[in-house]
Amino acid sequence: MRRWNGWGDEVVTHPLPSSAARFLENVLGRGTPPHDAALSDALRAVPRSRLPLHPLVTTDAEARVRHACGQSLPDWVALRTGRIPAFPDGVAFPTTEADVVELVTFASEAGVRLIPYGGGTSVVGHVTPAPGDAPVLTVDLSRLNRLLALDETSRLATFGAGVDGPHLEAQLRARGYTLGHFPQSFELSTLGGWVATRSSGQQSLYYGRIEDLFAGGQLLSPVGRLDLPPFPASAAGPDLRQFVLGSEGRLGVVTRATVRVSSLPEREDFHATFFPDWAQGMAAVREMVQARLPLSMLRLSDPVETTTTLALAGHQRLVSLLEGLLRVRGLGQERCMLLFGVTGGDEAVKSARKQAIEAARAHGGVHVGRRMGDEWRKSRFRTPYLRNTLWERGYAVDTLETAVRWSDVPATADAVRRALGEGLHGVGERVHVFAHLSHVYPDGASIYVTYLFRLPLTPRGGVDADETLRRWRQLKTAASQAIVAAGGTISHQHGVGVDHAPYLPAEKGALGMAALRHLCRTFDPQGVMNPGKLIA
């Protein structure tokens, strides 16, 4: 069963090796395990529902608790302290598109606000109800999860939008295909959520981002249905798919999506290479992507992330051997790790691997084989579970990301890391900050930043919710302002939600924001759909 107040399945854990615990104590200080609120505490706080009765809607208290928050740090603070600011008044689990039409109509006629809910993995507030006078209905789409059609000639597959990553891939792989979209939230997030937030998978260099894979589908809005035929290309005016991509539930409910699928690759390998420093690593990665080497992934960690990754890995003997090898090759504390993936036919994989190793070697890269790549692949969807472990040891974790031109990558990364690293000096606390280039393009790259800080506690041992949120806002604001000042996008793959909405005008401009507001009014004139998200 899913955790009600954390990431993933209750039976899955991510243990922290003793060496990793010592590392965190060295960089942040000893964390104090907090006393968390129990589910029973949250259930007692659920107020009486304000919704009119409807046969498709449950007002069960536990269903409302489990749909009250996503996975952002403010969501975690709310759940772990039992201070949940708002609950949906009811939850619906439609099984057909007709059910969704009925629910949207019900919300429009009853003055209800409707939140589409996929896997609940949003880290920027997409699915979190805001306090207000109007009742809130959360529509959980998880039962719209079937493969509806597969056109093998055209390699187009149509799914219910509530299908999660593992079930989508299982249904395709049974027929010899894959979508190839693997965000870190893959095990829990859904196809509709990927479309609504313009998601990016870890191997987007080969398969493409979701906007490349999304061929068409259906959106049910308060004023009607929008059908998006899966044309291979069209010059018939603006592409309406772009209205739906990244719409975050403001226009309606995505109920089905047609996606471009690929044959299962013959082979897929992941390798690790280490560079003497961040600058040489970036130069190598940029040359590889601009030369269009047929790779599926390039992920370059900065020196701090490289050190942190090795410290948290727990394979002390393997890490010691690796560090000895790197020292012999002249790589010191500024070393940076590159993970690269090669996907395709056997001969194509061999050729791409050879080209990547040669390109890396030209910039001082040391190829160390597949072992670390294999370890990453085995644990890549388990890494988010580390958030649970770290919280229970007294540490908060958050992430943010942007994308900029190659010429702006070094300065932007430095500015964001500096803003976060200095963010809690006023309260005498350290922040551990590290970054990697998670997705690369011929003209630029995304910068994915992770930061950790100690949880402040009350005298009774619980997390001090107000102080934790104050520190988080201070850090988030400083980093977001640094991104905007550098000319970066406020979100490369997490969407806008609530947390990024204040910074969207800097990216879109006054006319762009006016166009987005007009678009929302066209599809949702009464403001039923997911208010407060995307556009404040």
Protein backbone atom coordinates (compact mmCIF):
# COMPACT_ATOMS: atom_id res chain seq x y z
CA MET A 1 0.00 0.00 0.00
CA ARG A 2 1.14 3.55 -0.70
CA ARG A 3 2.53 5.54 2.22
CA TRP A 4 0.08 8.18 3.33
CA ASN A 5 2.80 10.62 4.41
CA GLY A 6 5.84 9.93 2.25
CA TRP A 7 7.17 8.44 -0.95
CA GLY A 8 6.11 5.15 -2.44
CA ASP A 9 5.12 1.77 -1.10
CA GLU A 10 5.10 1.10 2.63
CA VAL A 11 7.15 -2.10 2.28
CA VAL A 12 9.98 -0.49 0.32
CA THR A 13 12.81 1.18 2.22
CA HIS A 14 16.13 2.73 1.29
CA PRO A 15 18.54 1.99 4.16
CA LEU A 16 21.29 4.48 4.92
CA PRO A 17 24.71 2.81 5.37
CA SER A 18 26.59 3.82 8.51
CA SER A 19 29.28 5.45 6.38
CA ALA A 20 26.63 7.56 4.70
CA ALA A 21 25.19 8.62 8.06
CA ARG A 22 28.66 9.75 9.16
CA PHE A 23 29.07 11.68 5.92
CA LEU A 24 25.83 13.59 6.50
CA GLU A 25 26.81 14.39 10.07
CA ASN A 26 30.08 15.82 8.80
CA VAL A 27 28.48 18.07 6.18
CA LEU A 28 25.33 19.13 8.07
CA GLY A 29 25.64 18.13 11.69
CA ARG A 30 23.79 15.38 13.50
CA GLY A 31 20.11 15.16 12.66
CA THR A 32 17.51 14.48 15.33
CA PRO A 33 14.81 11.95 14.40
CA PRO A 34 11.44 13.74 14.65
CA HIS A 35 8.17 12.48 16.13
CA ASP A 36 5.69 12.38 13.23
CA ALA A 37 1.93 12.62 13.40
CA ALA A 38 0.03 9.36 12.99
CA LEU A 39 -2.60 8.67 10.34
CA SER A 40 -5.19 8.61 13.12
CA ASP A 41 -4.25 12.20 13.99
CA ALA A 42 -4.79 13.30 10.40
CA LEU A 43 -8.11 11.46 10.19
CA ARG A 44 -9.43 13.26 13.25
CA ALA A 45 -8.62 16.59 11.59
CA VAL A 46 -10.72 15.92 8.48
CA PRO A 47 -13.74 18.29 8.50
CA ARG A 48 -17.26 17.50 7.40
CA SER A 49 -17.63 17.41 3.63
CA ARG A 50 -19.29 20.39 1.94
CA LEU A 51 -20.13 18.46 -1.23
CA PRO A 52 -23.65 17.55 -2.31
CA LEU A 53 -24.14 13.79 -2.45
CA HIS A 54 -23.12 12.15 -5.70
CA PRO A 55 -22.97 8.41 -6.48
CA LEU A 56 -19.45 8.61 -7.96
CA VAL A 57 -17.99 10.53 -5.00
CA THR A 58 -16.78 9.19 -1.67
CA THR A 59 -16.34 11.42 1.36
CA ASP A 60 -14.41 8.76 3.28
CA ALA A 61 -11.93 10.46 5.61
CA GLU A 62 -8.94 8.29 4.70
CA ALA A 63 -9.46 8.78 0.96
CA ARG A 64 -9.54 12.53 1.57
CA VAL A 65 -6.32 12.43 3.64
CA ARG A 66 -4.54 10.38 1.00
CA HIS A 67 -5.49 12.90 -1.70
CA ALA A 68 -4.79 16.04 0.33
CA CYS A 69 -1.16 16.51 -0.69
CA GLY A 70 1.43 15.73 -3.30
CA GLN A 71 5.14 15.16 -2.70
CA SER A 72 6.58 18.67 -2.33
CA LEU A 73 8.48 19.55 0.83
CA PRO A 74 5.57 21.74 2.08
CA ASP A 75 3.29 18.73 1.45
CA TRP A 76 5.58 16.54 3.52
CA VAL A 77 5.70 19.07 6.35
CA ALA A 78 1.89 19.16 6.37
CA LEU A 79 1.52 15.38 6.40
CA ARG A 80 4.32 14.59 8.85
CA THR A 81 3.19 17.21 11.37
CA GLY A 82 -0.52 16.59 10.92
CA ARG A 83 -1.03 20.25 9.99
CA ILE A 84 -2.80 19.75 6.67
CA PRO A 85 -4.22 23.14 5.61
CA ALA A 86 -7.01 21.80 3.39
CA PHE A 87 -8.59 18.52 2.36
CA PRO A 88 -10.63 17.65 -0.70
CA ASP A 89 -14.29 17.41 0.31
CA GLY A 90 -14.59 14.21 -1.68
CA VAL A 91 -12.72 11.88 -4.02
CA ALA A 92 -14.01 10.21 -7.17
CA PHE A 93 -12.54 7.21 -8.99
CA PRO A 94 -14.09 7.25 -12.48
CA THR A 95 -13.89 4.07 -14.52
CA THR A 96 -15.10 5.49 -17.84
CA GLU A 97 -14.83 8.74 -19.76
CA ALA A 98 -18.60 9.12 -19.30
CA ASP A 99 -17.96 9.16 -15.54
CA VAL A 100 -15.48 12.01 -16.02
CA VAL A 101 -18.01 13.99 -18.08
CA GLU A 102 -20.56 13.50 -15.31
CA LEU A 103 -18.12 14.65 -12.63
CA VAL A 104 -17.04 17.76 -14.55
CA THR A 105 -20.71 18.63 -15.12
CA PHE A 106 -21.47 18.07 -11.44
CA ALA A 107 -18.61 20.35 -10.41
CA SER A 108 -19.72 23.08 -12.83
CA GLU A 109 -23.35 23.00 -11.70
CA ALA A 110 -22.64 22.73 -7.95
CA GLY A 111 -19.93 25.41 -7.69
CA VAL A 112 -17.28 22.79 -6.91
CA ARG A 113 -13.57 23.09 -7.67
CA LEU A 114 -12.16 20.00 -9.41
CA ILE A 115 -8.57 18.74 -9.14
CA PRO A 116 -7.43 16.03 -11.61
CA TYR A 117 -5.20 13.54 -9.79
CA GLY A 118 -2.83 11.05 -11.41
CA GLY A 119 -0.15 9.50 -9.23
CA GLY A 120 0.07 12.33 -6.71
CA THR A 121 3.82 12.75 -7.29
CA SER A 122 3.84 16.49 -7.94
CA VAL A 123 6.64 18.34 -6.14
CA VAL A 124 5.31 21.85 -6.82
CA GLY A 125 1.75 21.71 -5.46
CA HIS A 126 -0.33 20.60 -8.47
CA VAL A 127 -2.75 18.35 -6.57
CA THR A 128 -2.87 20.14 -3.21
CA PRO A 129 -6.21 21.84 -2.45
CA ALA A 130 -6.07 25.45 -1.36
CA PRO A 131 -8.17 26.62 1.60
CA GLY A 132 -11.32 28.41 0.44
CA ASP A 133 -15.07 28.66 0.63
CA ALA A 134 -15.84 26.46 -2.38
CA PRO A 135 -15.91 22.67 -1.92
CA VAL A 136 -13.16 20.68 -3.62
CA LEU A 137 -13.50 17.41 -5.53
CA THR A 138 -10.38 15.41 -6.38
CA VAL A 139 -10.82 13.11 -9.38
CA ASP A 140 -8.41 10.17 -9.18
CA LEU A 141 -7.91 8.82 -12.71
CA SER A 142 -6.06 5.64 -11.73
CA ARG A 143 -8.84 3.36 -13.00
CA LEU A 144 -8.58 4.78 -16.53
CA ASN A 145 -5.50 2.67 -17.08
CA ARG A 146 -6.04 0.35 -20.04
CA LEU A 147 -4.34 0.10 -23.40
CA LEU A 148 -7.24 1.16 -25.63
CA ALA A 149 -5.65 0.72 -29.04
CA LEU A 150 -2.32 -0.22 -30.59
CA ASP A 151 -1.64 0.65 -34.21
CA GLU A 152 1.46 -1.44 -34.85
CA THR A 153 1.82 -0.19 -38.41
CA SER A 154 1.97 3.43 -37.28
CA ARG A 155 3.48 2.60 -33.87
CA LEU A 156 0.83 4.55 -32.01
CA ALA A 157 -0.64 3.40 -28.70
CA THR A 158 -3.67 4.92 -26.99
CA PHE A 159 -4.06 4.60 -23.21
CA GLY A 160 -6.38 5.79 -20.53
CA ALA A 161 -4.58 8.75 -19.00
CA GLY A 162 -4.49 7.26 -15.49
CA VAL A 163 -2.11 4.44 -16.41
CA ASP A 164 1.06 4.53 -14.33
CA GLY A 165 4.54 3.92 -15.70
CA PRO A 166 4.97 0.22 -14.84
CA HIS A 167 1.52 -0.78 -16.14
CA LEU A 168 1.98 1.25 -19.32
CA GLU A 169 5.31 -0.41 -20.03
CA ALA A 170 4.01 -3.89 -19.13
CA GLN A 171 1.14 -3.58 -21.60
CA LEU A 172 3.48 -2.38 -24.34
CA ARG A 173 6.30 -4.82 -23.63
CA ALA A 174 3.89 -7.75 -23.92
CA ARG A 175 3.58 -6.69 -27.57
CA GLY A 176 7.27 -5.93 -28.11
CA TYR A 177 7.17 -2.15 -27.64
CA THR A 178 8.18 0.55 -25.21
CA LEU A 179 7.34 4.23 -24.69
CA GLY A 180 10.79 4.84 -23.20
CA HIS A 181 9.58 7.56 -20.84
CA PHE A 182 11.27 7.02 -17.49
CA PRO A 183 11.07 9.97 -15.08
CA GLN A 184 12.38 9.29 -11.59
CA SER A 185 8.73 9.09 -10.46
CA PHE A 186 8.09 6.39 -13.11
CA GLU A 187 6.74 3.78 -10.69
CA LEU A 188 3.98 6.08 -9.38
CA SER A 189 3.32 8.84 -11.90
CA THR A 190 0.87 8.58 -14.79
CA LEU A 191 0.69 9.25 -18.50
CA GLY A 192 -1.87 12.02 -18.00
CA GLY A 193 0.36 13.63 -15.40
CA TRP A 194 3.34 13.47 -17.74
CA VAL A 195 1.34 15.26 -20.44
CA ALA A 196 -0.15 17.84 -18.07
CA THR A 197 3.28 18.82 -16.68
CA ARG A 198 5.48 18.40 -19.79
CA SER A 199 7.49 15.66 -18.15
CA SER A 200 10.94 14.51 -19.20
CA GLY A 201 12.22 10.93 -18.86
CA GLN A 202 15.76 9.97 -17.96
CA GLN A 203 16.44 8.66 -21.48
CA SER A 204 14.85 11.54 -23.36
CA LEU A 205 18.01 11.96 -25.44
CA TYR A 206 16.97 8.79 -27.31
CA TYR A 207 13.19 8.56 -26.91
CA GLY A 208 12.30 12.26 -26.60
CA ARG A 209 10.45 14.28 -23.99
CA ILE A 210 6.72 13.76 -23.49
CA GLU A 211 5.90 16.53 -25.99
CA ASP A 212 7.77 14.48 -28.60
CA LEU A 213 5.91 11.30 -27.65
CA PHE A 214 2.40 12.78 -27.23
CA ALA A 215 0.69 12.40 -30.60
CA GLY A 216 -2.89 13.24 -29.61
CA GLY A 217 -5.66 12.45 -27.19
CA GLN A 218 -8.74 13.80 -25.52
CA LEU A 219 -9.42 16.58 -23.01
CA LEU A 220 -12.78 16.90 -21.26
CA SER A 221 -13.39 20.50 -20.23
CA PRO A 222 -16.34 22.24 -18.55
CA VAL A 223 -17.46 23.57 -21.96
CA GLY A 224 -16.95 20.43 -24.01
CA ARG A 225 -14.58 17.85 -25.39
CA LEU A 226 -11.37 18.64 -27.24
CA ASP A 227 -10.24 15.86 -29.60
CA LEU A 228 -6.63 15.90 -30.75
CA PRO A 229 -6.12 13.62 -33.77
CA PRO A 230 -2.66 11.98 -33.93
CA PHE A 231 -1.43 13.56 -37.17
CA PRO A 232 2.22 12.84 -37.99
CA ALA A 233 2.48 16.57 -38.83
CA SER A 234 0.14 19.44 -39.68
CA ALA A 235 0.40 23.01 -40.95
CA ALA A 236 -3.24 23.74 -40.12
CA GLY A 237 -2.64 26.59 -37.74
CA PRO A 238 -1.26 26.42 -34.18
CA ASP A 239 -0.91 22.93 -32.74
CA LEU A 240 -3.68 22.48 -30.16
CA ARG A 241 -1.70 19.71 -28.47
CA GLN A 242 0.57 22.44 -27.14
CA PHE A 243 -2.41 23.90 -25.25
CA VAL A 244 -2.86 20.60 -23.43
CA LEU A 245 0.82 19.89 -22.81
CA GLY A 246 1.72 21.63 -19.56
CA SER A 247 -1.87 22.74 -18.88
CA GLU A 248 -1.75 21.28 -15.33
CA GLY A 249 -5.48 20.57 -15.13
CA ARG A 250 -6.51 24.19 -15.75
CA LEU A 251 -8.30 23.47 -19.04
CA GLY A 252 -9.94 20.17 -18.20
CA VAL A 253 -9.22 16.52 -17.59
CA VAL A 254 -6.96 14.57 -19.95
CA THR A 255 -8.75 11.22 -20.21
CA ARG A 256 -6.76 9.49 -22.94
CA ALA A 257 -3.48 9.97 -24.74
CA THR A 258 -2.07 8.56 -27.95
CA VAL A 259 1.70 8.18 -27.82
CA ARG A 260 4.47 7.24 -30.23
CA VAL A 261 6.06 3.96 -29.22
CA SER A 262 9.27 2.20 -30.23
CA SER A 263 10.28 -1.41 -30.64
CA LEU A 264 12.05 -2.82 -27.61
CA PRO A 265 15.78 -2.25 -28.07
CA GLU A 266 18.06 -5.22 -28.57
CA ARG A 267 20.45 -3.90 -25.97
CA GLU A 268 20.84 -1.17 -23.40
CA ASP A 269 23.99 -0.38 -21.42
CA PHE A 270 24.89 2.29 -18.88
CA HIS A 271 28.49 3.31 -18.29
CA ALA A 272 30.41 5.60 -15.93
CA THR A 273 33.24 7.96 -16.81
CA PHE A 274 35.06 10.37 -14.49
CA PHE A 275 36.49 13.75 -15.48
CA PRO A 276 39.15 15.80 -13.68
CA ASP A 277 36.68 18.65 -13.11
CA TRP A 278 33.24 20.08 -13.93
CA ALA A 279 34.47 22.26 -16.82
CA GLN A 280 36.08 19.38 -18.70
CA GLY A 281 33.06 17.18 -18.08
CA MET A 282 30.71 19.86 -19.46
CA ALA A 283 32.88 20.37 -22.52
CA ALA A 284 32.83 16.65 -23.27
CA VAL A 285 29.07 16.33 -22.80
CA ARG A 286 28.40 19.40 -24.96
CA GLU A 287 30.56 18.04 -27.76
CA MET A 288 28.86 14.64 -27.59
CA VAL A 289 25.35 16.06 -27.87
CA GLN A 290 26.27 18.60 -30.53
CA ALA A 291 27.93 15.82 -32.54
CA ARG A 292 24.63 13.95 -32.14
CA LEU A 293 26.24 10.78 -30.87
CA PRO A 294 23.50 8.12 -30.72
CA LEU A 295 23.27 7.98 -26.92
CA SER A 296 20.15 7.64 -24.76
CA MET A 297 21.37 9.50 -21.66
CA LEU A 298 24.08 11.88 -20.52
CA ARG A 299 24.04 12.75 -16.81
CA LEU A 300 26.97 14.74 -15.45
CA SER A 301 27.35 15.25 -11.68
CA ASP A 302 29.26 18.16 -10.19
CA PRO A 303 32.10 17.42 -7.71
CA VAL A 304 29.86 17.64 -4.63
CA GLU A 305 27.21 15.35 -6.11
CA THR A 306 29.93 12.92 -7.21
CA THR A 307 31.35 12.77 -3.68
CA THR A 308 27.87 12.52 -2.15
CA THR A 309 26.82 9.74 -4.53
CA LEU A 310 29.88 7.68 -3.68
CA ALA A 311 29.42 8.32 0.05
CA LEU A 312 25.76 7.29 0.03
CA ALA A 313 26.29 4.24 -2.18
CA GLY A 314 27.30 1.98 0.68
CA HIS A 315 29.55 -0.25 -1.45
CA GLN A 316 32.67 0.68 0.50
CA ARG A 317 35.02 -1.87 -1.07
CA LEU A 318 33.95 -0.97 -4.61
CA VAL A 319 34.19 2.76 -3.87
CA SER A 320 37.65 2.37 -2.31
CA LEU A 321 38.91 0.51 -5.39
CA LEU A 322 37.38 3.14 -7.65
CA GLU A 323 38.91 6.04 -5.73
CA GLY A 324 42.30 4.34 -5.82
CA LEU A 325 42.07 3.96 -9.59
CA LEU A 326 41.05 7.61 -10.04
CA ARG A 327 43.92 8.83 -7.86
CA VAL A 328 46.38 6.83 -9.93
CA ARG A 329 44.93 8.48 -13.04
CA GLY A 330 45.40 11.94 -11.49
CA LEU A 331 41.77 12.71 -10.62
CA GLY A 332 41.36 14.42 -7.24
CA GLN A 333 38.58 16.05 -5.22
CA GLU A 334 37.21 18.01 -8.20
CA ARG A 335 36.40 14.82 -10.12
CA CYS A 336 32.98 14.61 -11.76
CA MET A 337 31.06 11.50 -12.71
CA LEU A 338 29.28 11.09 -16.03
CA LEU A 339 26.71 8.34 -16.47
CA PHE A 340 25.91 7.68 -20.11
CA GLY A 341 23.42 5.31 -21.66
CA VAL A 342 23.52 3.57 -25.03
CA THR A 343 20.34 2.04 -26.43
CA GLY A 344 19.49 0.23 -29.68
CA GLY A 345 20.76 -2.60 -31.82
CA ASP A 346 23.83 -4.51 -30.70
CA GLU A 347 26.20 -3.04 -33.27
CA ALA A 348 24.81 0.48 -32.82
CA VAL A 349 25.34 0.23 -29.05
CA LYS A 350 28.93 -0.89 -29.48
CA SER A 351 29.63 1.94 -31.91
CA ALA A 352 27.99 4.61 -29.73
CA ARG A 353 29.87 3.39 -26.66
CA LYS A 354 33.18 3.59 -28.48
CA GLN A 355 32.47 7.12 -29.75
CA ALA A 356 31.42 8.32 -26.28
CA ILE A 357 34.53 6.88 -24.60
CA GLU A 358 36.79 8.47 -27.22
CA ALA A 359 35.06 11.85 -26.84
CA ALA A 360 35.40 11.66 -23.06
CA ARG A 361 39.05 10.66 -23.23
CA ALA A 362 39.80 13.78 -25.28
CA HIS A 363 38.77 15.82 -22.21
CA GLY A 364 40.64 13.78 -19.62
CA GLY A 365 37.81 11.32 -19.01
CA VAL A 366 38.51 7.96 -17.37
CA HIS A 367 36.05 5.23 -18.35
CA VAL A 368 35.42 2.81 -15.48
CA GLY A 369 33.04 0.37 -17.16
CA ARG A 370 29.45 -0.67 -16.57
CA ARG A 371 29.40 -1.57 -12.87
CA MET A 372 28.36 1.87 -11.61
CA GLY A 373 25.94 2.28 -14.49
CA ASP A 374 24.34 -1.05 -13.64
CA GLU A 375 24.02 -0.01 -9.98
CA TRP A 376 22.37 3.25 -11.04
CA ARG A 377 19.92 1.45 -13.30
CA LYS A 378 18.94 -0.99 -10.53
CA SER A 379 18.25 1.79 -8.05
CA ARG A 380 17.09 4.66 -10.23
CA PHE A 381 13.44 4.41 -9.18
CA ARG A 382 14.37 3.60 -5.57
CA THR A 383 16.35 6.79 -4.97
CA PRO A 384 13.25 8.86 -4.00
CA TYR A 385 12.74 6.46 -1.08
CA LEU A 386 15.86 7.98 0.44
CA ARG A 387 13.71 11.01 1.27
CA ASN A 388 11.80 8.87 3.78
CA THR A 389 15.00 7.64 5.39
CA LEU A 390 16.57 11.08 5.60
CA TRP A 391 13.45 12.65 7.10
CA GLU A 392 13.38 9.95 9.75
CA ARG A 393 16.99 10.86 10.59
CA GLY A 394 16.16 14.56 10.86
CA TYR A 395 17.03 15.91 7.40
CA ALA A 396 14.84 17.66 4.82
CA VAL A 397 15.49 17.18 1.10
CA ASP A 398 14.23 19.22 -1.83
CA THR A 399 15.08 19.63 -5.50
CA LEU A 400 14.69 22.25 -8.19
CA GLU A 401 15.72 22.50 -11.80
CA THR A 402 16.08 24.82 -14.76
CA ALA A 403 17.41 24.81 -18.31
CA VAL A 404 19.68 27.37 -19.97
CA ARG A 405 21.90 27.78 -23.01
CA TRP A 406 25.30 26.10 -22.86
CA SER A 407 26.97 29.50 -22.61
CA ASP A 408 25.00 30.19 -19.41
CA VAL A 409 25.30 26.79 -17.70
CA PRO A 410 28.42 27.44 -15.56
CA ALA A 411 27.30 30.83 -14.20
CA THR A 412 23.72 29.67 -13.58
CA ALA A 413 24.79 26.55 -11.74
CA ASP A 414 27.19 28.59 -9.60
CA ALA A 415 24.53 31.21 -8.79
CA VAL A 416 21.91 28.68 -7.76
CA ARG A 417 24.32 26.61 -5.67
CA ARG A 418 25.63 29.75 -3.98
CA ALA A 419 22.11 31.05 -3.23
CA LEU A 420 21.19 27.77 -1.57
CA GLY A 421 24.50 27.22 0.17
CA GLU A 422 24.36 30.60 1.88
CA GLY A 423 20.62 30.57 2.46
CA LEU A 424 20.56 29.56 6.14
CA HIS A 425 23.67 31.35 7.39
CA GLY A 426 21.38 33.68 9.33
CA VAL A 427 20.21 30.84 11.59
CA GLY A 428 23.60 29.18 11.84
CA GLU A 429 22.65 26.16 9.74
CA ARG A 430 24.45 24.57 6.83
CA VAL A 431 22.86 23.52 3.55
CA HIS A 432 24.35 20.68 1.52
CA VAL A 433 23.93 21.50 -2.17
CA PHE A 434 24.84 19.53 -5.28
CA ALA A 435 23.82 19.44 -8.92
CA HIS A 436 23.94 17.53 -12.16
CA LEU A 437 23.13 18.10 -15.80
CA SER A 438 20.16 15.77 -16.13
CA HIS A 439 19.14 16.38 -19.75
CA VAL A 440 21.23 17.85 -22.53
CA TYR A 441 20.40 19.38 -25.90
CA PRO A 442 22.54 20.74 -28.74
CA ASP A 443 21.86 24.31 -27.55
CA GLY A 444 21.80 23.87 -23.77
CA ALA A 445 21.21 21.70 -20.74
CA SER A 446 19.02 21.32 -17.69
CA ILE A 447 20.56 21.83 -14.26
CA TYR A 448 19.03 19.67 -11.54
CA VAL A 449 19.87 20.80 -8.00
CA THR A 450 19.36 18.90 -4.74
CA TYR A 451 19.71 20.46 -1.30
CA LEU A 452 19.52 19.11 2.24
CA PHE A 453 19.21 20.83 5.60
CA ARG A 454 18.48 19.77 9.15
CA LEU A 455 14.89 19.77 10.35
CA PRO A 456 14.23 22.24 13.17
CA LEU A 457 12.32 20.61 16.02
CA THR A 458 9.98 21.83 18.71
CA PRO A 459 10.87 21.24 22.41
CA ARG A 460 8.56 18.20 22.32
CA GLY A 461 10.49 16.55 19.49
CA GLY A 462 8.13 17.17 16.59
CA VAL A 463 9.12 19.05 13.46
CA ASP A 464 8.68 22.81 13.86
CA ALA A 465 6.41 23.21 10.82
CA ASP A 466 6.45 27.01 10.73
CA GLU A 467 10.23 27.27 10.99
CA THR A 468 10.80 24.46 8.46
CA LEU A 469 8.54 26.17 5.95
CA ARG A 470 10.16 29.54 6.62
CA ARG A 471 13.60 28.07 5.89
CA TRP A 472 12.34 26.26 2.82
CA ARG A 473 10.72 29.42 1.43
CA GLN A 474 13.90 31.37 2.04
CA LEU A 475 15.95 28.78 0.14
CA LYS A 476 13.41 28.26 -2.64
CA THR A 477 12.99 31.99 -3.18
CA ALA A 478 16.72 32.66 -3.30
CA ALA A 479 17.30 29.85 -5.81
CA SER A 480 14.30 30.81 -7.96
CA GLN A 481 15.42 34.44 -8.09
CA ALA A 482 18.89 33.28 -9.13
CA ILE A 483 17.35 31.23 -11.95
CA VAL A 484 15.25 34.14 -13.19
CA ALA A 485 18.21 36.52 -13.00
CA ALA A 486 20.27 34.09 -15.09
CA GLY A 487 17.59 33.91 -17.77
CA GLY A 488 16.72 30.26 -17.10
CA THR A 489 13.32 28.63 -17.27
CA ILE A 490 11.68 28.32 -13.88
CA SER A 491 10.93 24.67 -14.60
CA HIS A 492 12.51 22.17 -16.98
CA GLN A 493 10.47 19.10 -16.01
CA HIS A 494 8.46 19.62 -12.80
CA GLY A 495 5.84 22.02 -14.16
CA VAL A 496 4.64 25.19 -12.45
CA GLY A 497 1.96 24.25 -9.92
CA VAL A 498 1.84 26.68 -7.01
CA ASP A 499 5.49 26.97 -6.09
CA HIS A 500 6.71 28.29 -9.46
CA ALA A 501 3.69 30.42 -10.36
CA PRO A 502 5.17 33.70 -8.99
CA TYR A 503 8.08 33.40 -11.44
CA LEU A 504 6.12 32.49 -14.57
CA PRO A 505 5.50 36.13 -15.69
CA ALA A 506 9.24 36.72 -15.90
CA GLU A 507 9.39 33.92 -18.49
CA LYS A 508 6.16 34.48 -20.41
CA GLY A 509 5.85 38.26 -20.31
CA ALA A 510 2.68 40.31 -19.83
CA LEU A 511 1.18 39.40 -23.20
CA GLY A 512 1.97 35.72 -22.76
CA MET A 513 0.33 35.66 -19.32
CA ALA A 514 -2.75 37.41 -20.72
CA ALA A 515 -2.96 34.77 -23.46
CA LEU A 516 -2.76 31.95 -20.89
CA ARG A 517 -5.49 33.52 -18.75
CA HIS A 518 -7.71 33.95 -21.79
CA LEU A 519 -7.12 30.32 -22.75
CA CYS A 520 -8.19 29.18 -19.29
CA ARG A 521 -11.36 31.29 -19.45
CA THR A 522 -12.19 29.83 -22.87
CA PHE A 523 -12.07 26.24 -21.64
CA ASP A 524 -13.22 26.93 -18.06
CA PRO A 525 -15.21 30.18 -17.81
CA GLN A 526 -16.41 29.46 -14.24
CA GLY A 527 -12.95 28.70 -12.86
CA VAL A 528 -13.82 25.12 -11.91
CA MET A 529 -10.57 23.44 -12.93
CA ASN A 530 -7.65 23.27 -10.49
CA PRO A 531 -7.67 26.95 -9.49
CA GLY A 532 -4.47 28.58 -8.31
CA LYS A 533 -2.21 26.22 -10.24
CA LEU A 534 -0.03 27.35 -13.16
CA ILE A 535 -1.53 30.87 -13.07
CA ALA A 536 -1.91 32.44 -9.64
